[in-house]
Amino acid sequence: MGHENYYPRFGYKRASTFGITFPFEVPDANAMAVELVDNGLQGVSGEVVYPKDFF
């Protein structure tokens, strides 16, 4: 989760671009992911899993 105008300058993109979803409602503009290596998220998709203590 992050501010849609701040994190993209560091390479973050909308998580939905990679087919990544969250188990709770979050605005698409604020749900972000970053590839640590080129094409590191290519072919990756699914729902983020959080530990139960997160909720």
Protein backbone atom coordinates (compact mmCIF):
# COMPACT_ATOMS: atom_id res chain seq x y z
CA MET A 1 0.00 0.00 0.00
CA GLY A 2 1.34 3.39 -0.83
CA HIS A 3 0.66 6.86 -2.11
CA GLU A 4 -0.04 6.76 -5.84
CA ASN A 5 2.10 9.84 -6.54
CA TYR A 6 5.09 8.94 -4.37
CA TYR A 7 6.01 5.29 -4.90
CA PRO A 8 5.98 5.14 -8.71
CA ARG A 9 9.15 7.26 -8.77
CA PHE A 10 10.88 4.24 -7.21
CA GLY A 11 9.59 1.83 -9.83
CA TYR A 12 6.40 0.70 -8.12
CA LYS A 13 3.46 -0.09 -10.37
CA ARG A 14 -0.13 -0.98 -9.67
CA ALA A 15 -0.24 -4.55 -8.38
CA SER A 16 -3.16 -5.21 -10.71
CA THR A 17 -0.72 -4.75 -13.61
CA PHE A 18 0.83 -8.04 -12.51
CA GLY A 19 -2.46 -9.79 -11.68
CA ILE A 20 -1.85 -9.40 -7.94
CA THR A 21 -4.88 -8.90 -5.69
CA PHE A 22 -5.43 -8.39 -1.97
CA PRO A 23 -7.73 -10.18 0.48
CA PHE A 24 -9.34 -6.87 1.43
CA GLU A 25 -10.55 -3.81 -0.41
CA VAL A 26 -7.82 -1.37 -1.36
CA PRO A 27 -7.92 1.31 -4.05
CA ASP A 28 -6.17 0.08 -7.19
CA ALA A 29 -4.04 3.23 -7.28
CA ASN A 30 -2.63 2.43 -3.82
CA ALA A 31 -2.02 -1.31 -4.15
CA MET A 32 1.50 -1.50 -5.56
CA ALA A 33 4.28 -3.93 -6.37
CA VAL A 34 7.86 -3.52 -7.54
CA GLU A 35 10.05 -5.93 -9.44
CA LEU A 36 13.37 -6.37 -7.65
CA VAL A 37 14.88 -7.85 -10.81
CA ASP A 38 13.89 -7.19 -14.42
CA ASN A 39 10.75 -9.17 -15.27
CA GLY A 40 10.74 -10.64 -11.76
CA LEU A 41 6.96 -10.58 -11.62
CA GLN A 42 6.42 -11.84 -15.16
CA GLY A 43 3.93 -14.68 -15.03
CA VAL A 44 3.18 -14.04 -11.35
CA SER A 45 -0.41 -13.57 -10.27
CA GLY A 46 -2.62 -14.32 -7.31
CA GLU A 47 -3.75 -13.00 -3.99
CA VAL A 48 -1.37 -11.67 -1.34
CA VAL A 49 -1.46 -13.81 1.81
CA TYR A 50 -1.05 -12.09 5.16
CA PRO A 51 -0.48 -13.76 8.53
CA LYS A 52 -3.65 -13.90 10.65
CA ASP A 53 -2.05 -11.47 13.14
CA PHE A 54 -2.09 -8.79 10.45
CA PHE A 55 -5.85 -8.50 10.78
